[in-house]
Amino acid sequence: MHYVRRLRGEELYNCRDLGGYAVEGGMTKFGVFLRSEVPFFWTEKDVEMIREYGVTMSLDFRTEDECSERPSLLKDRDWVEYKAVKAFELRRALYQWGTENETLPFKWSRAYRSLMETGKPWMKQSMELAADCNGVCQFNCNSGKDRTGMFAAALLAIAGVAVEDIAADYCVSQGLLDIFYEKGVKMMYSRKDRGIKEKSPLLITSPDNIFDIFDYMDKTYGGFMGYLKDCGISDDTIEKIRAKFIERF
C-alpha cells in the first residue's frame, strides 16, 4: 500500500494523512489516522479510494442537525464502522465561545478553548475509539479544520510532534478548501473573490489559534498531556495511540 500526505480525488479536498511528522527517535506513521472534511460531496470513486486506503472506522464529530443535513457517505457501509461522536453544539461555539462578549471580535482559539473544556467526554470517547481501531481511522467534522483540527492536534501531541508542526498541519486547511467553501458556504465565499476570507474569520486557519490553545494547555494543565489525563483518558489508551502511530527509526 502506498500512503500519501494528501489524498486527491474527484470531490475530495481536505483529506490528509497525519503521517510523516518528526518525533524524537522517529516519525508519525502513515496509514493510521486520516483527517478530512465531511464525506458528503465525495463521489463513489472517492469513497472507493478511502476504502482502498484501509479505512475501517469513521468518527463524525458533527451535531445531529449537521449529520441530518449532510449525511456522511461512509455511514452504512459494510466495510467501515461509523461512529457519530458529537463534539459540541456548533451555534453555541460560533456565537458565544468565539466572542466571549459582544465587544470582542470572533476568534477561533477562544472557541477551541471552550470546546476542549466542555468537550472532554467527546475527546475521551474519540481517543478510545481511535486507539482500538484496527485499520485506518478517518475522522471529520464539516470542513475538517476546527473540531477535526483539535482532535488532530491532540493525536499529534500524544506522538510528541512539535507545536510548530502541529500549527503547520492545522494551517494547511485554508489552502485546500476553496471549492468546498464555494459549495458549502456560498453566501460567505467565492473563489472569484478570495479576499472575502479576510472578512470571514470563520474560514481562516491561523497558526496563532494553535499556539494560543497550546499556551492555554500549558498554563491550565501543565501541557497537552495533562489536559488529556484530565479528560479521563487512561495511560493504556495513550500508549495504544503511541504504539500504532509512532514509527521508530
Protein backbone atom coordinates (compact mmCIF):
# COMPACT_ATOMS: atom_id res chain seq x y z
CA MET A 1 0.00 0.00 0.00
CA HIS A 2 1.28 3.45 -0.91
CA TYR A 3 0.46 6.21 1.55
CA VAL A 4 0.49 9.94 0.85
CA ARG A 5 0.19 13.13 2.87
CA ARG A 6 -2.90 14.37 0.98
CA LEU A 7 -5.42 12.18 -0.85
CA ARG A 8 -6.57 13.74 -4.11
CA GLY A 9 -9.90 12.67 -5.55
CA GLU A 10 -12.76 13.98 -7.63
CA GLU A 11 -14.53 15.80 -4.77
CA LEU A 12 -12.00 15.10 -2.02
CA TYR A 13 -10.44 18.33 -0.80
CA ASN A 14 -9.09 18.42 2.76
CA CYS A 15 -8.31 14.74 3.26
CA ARG A 16 -4.86 14.30 4.82
CA ASP A 17 -2.82 11.56 6.46
CA LEU A 18 -1.17 12.54 9.77
CA GLY A 19 1.93 10.51 8.93
CA GLY A 20 5.39 11.90 8.25
CA TYR A 21 5.92 14.32 11.15
CA ALA A 22 9.21 14.12 13.05
CA VAL A 23 9.17 12.95 16.66
CA GLU A 24 12.04 12.01 18.96
CA GLY A 25 13.59 8.85 17.55
CA GLY A 26 11.22 8.51 14.64
CA MET A 27 8.18 9.94 12.90
CA THR A 28 4.41 9.61 12.84
CA LYS A 29 3.36 6.59 10.81
CA PHE A 30 1.35 6.83 7.60
CA GLY A 31 -1.83 4.79 7.27
CA VAL A 32 -3.04 5.24 10.85
CA PHE A 33 -5.02 8.48 11.11
CA LEU A 34 -6.76 10.32 8.29
CA ARG A 35 -8.38 13.74 8.79
CA SER A 36 -10.92 15.09 6.31
CA GLU A 37 -13.90 17.27 5.56
CA VAL A 38 -17.36 15.72 5.77
CA PRO A 39 -17.79 12.85 3.27
CA PHE A 40 -20.85 14.45 1.71
CA PHE A 41 -19.72 15.86 -1.65
CA TRP A 42 -17.48 12.86 -2.31
CA THR A 43 -18.12 10.73 -5.38
CA GLU A 44 -18.33 6.94 -5.28
CA LYS A 45 -14.83 6.89 -6.71
CA ASP A 46 -13.64 8.97 -3.75
CA VAL A 47 -15.35 6.61 -1.32
CA GLU A 48 -13.69 3.63 -3.02
CA MET A 49 -10.33 5.38 -2.70
CA ILE A 50 -10.91 5.71 1.04
CA ARG A 51 -11.80 2.03 1.28
CA GLU A 52 -8.67 1.02 -0.62
CA TYR A 53 -6.60 3.28 1.66
CA GLY A 54 -7.52 0.96 4.50
CA VAL A 55 -10.13 2.98 6.40
CA THR A 56 -12.10 0.77 8.79
CA MET A 57 -13.51 3.39 11.17
CA SER A 58 -15.07 6.81 10.62
CA LEU A 59 -15.52 9.26 13.52
CA ASP A 60 -18.03 12.03 12.77
CA PHE A 61 -17.77 14.97 15.18
CA ARG A 62 -20.78 16.92 13.91
CA THR A 63 -24.11 17.62 15.59
CA GLU A 64 -27.29 15.66 14.89
CA ASP A 65 -28.63 18.51 12.74
CA GLU A 66 -25.41 18.67 10.70
CA CYS A 67 -25.44 14.91 10.18
CA SER A 68 -29.06 15.04 9.08
CA GLU A 69 -28.48 17.93 6.68
CA ARG A 70 -25.37 16.42 5.12
CA PRO A 71 -25.24 12.66 5.80
CA SER A 72 -21.84 11.05 5.68
CA LEU A 73 -21.32 8.79 2.69
CA LEU A 74 -19.32 6.47 4.95
CA LYS A 75 -22.37 5.68 7.07
CA ASP A 76 -23.99 2.28 6.48
CA ARG A 77 -21.03 0.87 4.53
CA ASP A 78 -20.28 -2.73 5.48
CA TRP A 79 -16.50 -2.17 5.44
CA VAL A 80 -16.32 0.80 7.82
CA GLU A 81 -17.52 1.28 11.39
CA TYR A 82 -19.24 4.66 11.51
CA LYS A 83 -19.39 6.45 14.87
CA ALA A 84 -21.16 9.77 15.47
CA VAL A 85 -19.34 11.41 18.39
CA LYS A 86 -20.72 14.94 18.80
CA ALA A 87 -18.07 17.45 19.85
CA PHE A 88 -20.28 20.47 20.63
CA GLU A 89 -23.30 22.48 19.58
CA LEU A 90 -21.95 24.45 16.64
CA ARG A 91 -24.16 27.52 17.10
CA ARG A 92 -23.04 27.92 20.70
CA ALA A 93 -19.39 27.75 19.69
CA LEU A 94 -19.72 30.33 16.94
CA TYR A 95 -21.82 32.91 18.72
CA GLN A 96 -20.85 32.50 22.36
CA TRP A 97 -17.49 30.79 22.76
CA GLY A 98 -15.72 32.62 19.95
CA THR A 99 -16.64 36.12 21.13
CA GLU A 100 -16.86 35.84 24.95
CA ASN A 101 -18.74 39.12 24.88
CA GLU A 102 -20.15 41.47 22.30
CA THR A 103 -17.15 43.81 22.42
CA LEU A 104 -14.61 41.24 21.21
CA PRO A 105 -14.28 40.03 17.60
CA PHE A 106 -14.69 36.33 16.91
CA LYS A 107 -11.51 34.31 17.45
CA TRP A 108 -11.27 30.56 16.89
CA SER A 109 -8.77 29.98 19.70
CA ARG A 110 -11.39 31.18 22.22
CA ALA A 111 -13.92 28.80 20.69
CA TYR A 112 -11.36 25.97 20.78
CA ARG A 113 -10.62 26.67 24.44
CA SER A 114 -14.29 26.25 25.33
CA LEU A 115 -14.61 23.23 23.06
CA MET A 116 -11.75 21.50 24.85
CA GLU A 117 -13.19 22.29 28.28
CA THR A 118 -16.80 21.29 27.64
CA GLY A 119 -15.86 18.54 25.18
CA LYS A 120 -13.82 16.35 27.50
CA PRO A 121 -16.27 13.40 27.19
CA TRP A 122 -16.04 13.77 23.38
CA MET A 123 -12.24 13.76 23.49
CA LYS A 124 -12.15 10.72 25.78
CA GLN A 125 -14.62 8.68 23.73
CA SER A 126 -12.95 9.61 20.44
CA MET A 127 -9.47 8.74 21.70
CA GLU A 128 -10.62 5.37 23.00
CA LEU A 129 -12.28 4.54 19.69
CA ALA A 130 -9.22 5.68 17.72
CA ALA A 131 -6.90 3.65 19.95
CA ASP A 132 -8.87 0.45 19.33
CA CYS A 133 -9.27 0.91 15.57
CA ASN A 134 -7.54 -1.94 13.72
CA GLY A 135 -7.23 -0.15 10.38
CA VAL A 136 -7.03 3.45 9.30
CA CYS A 137 -9.15 5.74 11.47
CA GLN A 138 -10.74 8.56 9.46
CA PHE A 139 -12.29 11.49 11.33
CA ASN A 140 -14.16 14.58 10.24
CA CYS A 141 -16.38 17.48 11.19
CA ASN A 142 -17.78 19.75 8.47
CA SER A 143 -14.86 21.46 6.73
CA GLY A 144 -12.27 19.34 8.53
CA LYS A 145 -10.41 22.21 10.18
CA ASP A 146 -11.82 23.05 13.64
CA ARG A 147 -13.20 20.08 15.60
CA THR A 148 -11.12 17.88 13.32
CA GLY A 149 -8.15 20.19 13.81
CA MET A 150 -8.36 19.94 17.61
CA PHE A 151 -8.54 16.15 17.54
CA ALA A 152 -5.64 16.00 15.09
CA ALA A 153 -3.65 18.34 17.37
CA ALA A 154 -4.31 16.01 20.29
CA LEU A 155 -3.15 12.93 18.36
CA LEU A 156 0.00 14.70 17.17
CA ALA A 157 0.69 15.96 20.71
CA ILE A 158 0.46 12.40 22.04
CA ALA A 159 3.06 11.33 19.47
CA GLY A 160 5.37 14.16 20.53
CA VAL A 161 5.16 16.27 17.36
CA ALA A 162 6.47 19.83 17.80
CA VAL A 163 3.81 22.50 18.26
CA GLU A 164 5.18 24.33 15.21
CA ASP A 165 4.47 21.28 13.04
CA ILE A 166 1.02 20.88 14.59
CA ALA A 167 0.29 24.53 13.74
CA ALA A 168 1.54 23.97 10.19
CA ASP A 169 -0.73 20.93 9.78
CA TYR A 170 -3.67 22.99 11.01
CA CYS A 171 -2.93 25.85 8.59
CA VAL A 172 -2.99 23.62 5.51
CA SER A 173 -6.80 23.51 5.56
CA GLN A 174 -7.09 27.10 4.43
CA GLY A 175 -5.26 26.35 1.19
CA LEU A 176 -7.35 23.28 0.35
CA LEU A 177 -10.92 24.35 0.97
CA ASP A 178 -11.63 26.80 -1.86
CA ILE A 179 -14.01 24.52 -3.76
CA PHE A 180 -15.57 23.12 -0.58
CA TYR A 181 -16.29 26.63 0.71
CA GLU A 182 -17.79 27.61 -2.60
CA LYS A 183 -20.09 24.58 -2.49
CA GLY A 184 -20.92 24.73 1.21
CA VAL A 185 -20.87 28.37 2.28
CA LYS A 186 -21.86 30.20 -0.89
CA MET A 187 -23.07 33.28 0.98
CA MET A 188 -19.66 33.76 2.60
CA TYR A 189 -17.18 32.78 -0.06
CA SER A 190 -16.45 32.76 -3.78
CA ARG A 191 -13.24 31.73 -5.46
CA LYS A 192 -13.64 34.76 -7.71
CA ASP A 193 -13.05 36.97 -4.67
CA ARG A 194 -10.72 35.11 -2.33
CA GLY A 195 -10.20 38.30 -0.36
CA ILE A 196 -13.57 37.70 1.25
CA LYS A 197 -11.81 35.20 3.50
CA GLU A 198 -10.14 38.10 5.24
CA LYS A 199 -13.60 39.35 6.17
CA SER A 200 -14.74 35.93 7.43
CA PRO A 201 -12.64 34.76 10.40
CA LEU A 202 -14.69 31.56 10.49
CA LEU A 203 -12.87 30.40 7.34
CA ILE A 204 -9.32 31.24 8.44
CA THR A 205 -6.89 28.75 10.00
CA SER A 206 -4.23 30.98 11.51
CA PRO A 207 -1.28 29.32 13.28
CA ASP A 208 -1.96 31.63 16.23
CA ASN A 209 -5.03 29.54 17.01
CA ILE A 210 -2.85 26.50 17.70
CA PHE A 211 -0.20 28.46 19.58
CA ASP A 212 -2.94 30.02 21.74
CA ILE A 213 -4.56 26.70 22.61
CA PHE A 214 -1.20 25.13 23.46
CA ASP A 215 -0.33 28.11 25.66
CA TYR A 216 -3.67 27.63 27.39
CA MET A 217 -2.95 23.94 27.95
CA ASP A 218 0.47 24.77 29.42
CA LYS A 219 -0.95 27.34 31.82
CA THR A 220 -4.02 25.35 32.83
CA TYR A 221 -2.88 21.72 32.77
CA GLY A 222 0.90 21.83 32.61
CA GLY A 223 0.75 20.75 28.96
CA PHE A 224 -1.47 18.94 26.50
CA MET A 225 -0.87 15.58 28.13
CA GLY A 226 -2.14 16.99 31.42
CA TYR A 227 -5.33 18.04 29.67
CA LEU A 228 -5.82 14.58 28.16
CA LYS A 229 -5.41 12.97 31.56
CA ASP A 230 -7.98 15.40 32.96
CA CYS A 231 -10.35 14.14 30.25
CA GLY A 232 -10.09 10.74 31.91
CA ILE A 233 -8.03 9.21 29.10
CA SER A 234 -6.07 6.30 30.55
CA ASP A 235 -2.35 5.66 30.21
CA ASP A 236 -3.27 2.46 28.37
CA THR A 237 -5.18 4.41 25.71
CA ILE A 238 -2.30 6.88 25.33
CA GLU A 239 0.18 4.04 24.89
CA LYS A 240 -2.04 2.31 22.32
CA ILE A 241 -2.08 5.52 20.29
CA ARG A 242 1.68 5.89 20.51
CA ALA A 243 2.35 2.24 19.68
CA LYS A 244 0.38 2.40 16.44
CA PHE A 245 1.20 5.99 15.48
CA ILE A 246 4.97 6.26 16.03
CA GLU A 247 7.42 4.63 13.64
CA ARG A 248 10.83 4.28 15.28
CA PHE A 249 14.00 4.71 13.23
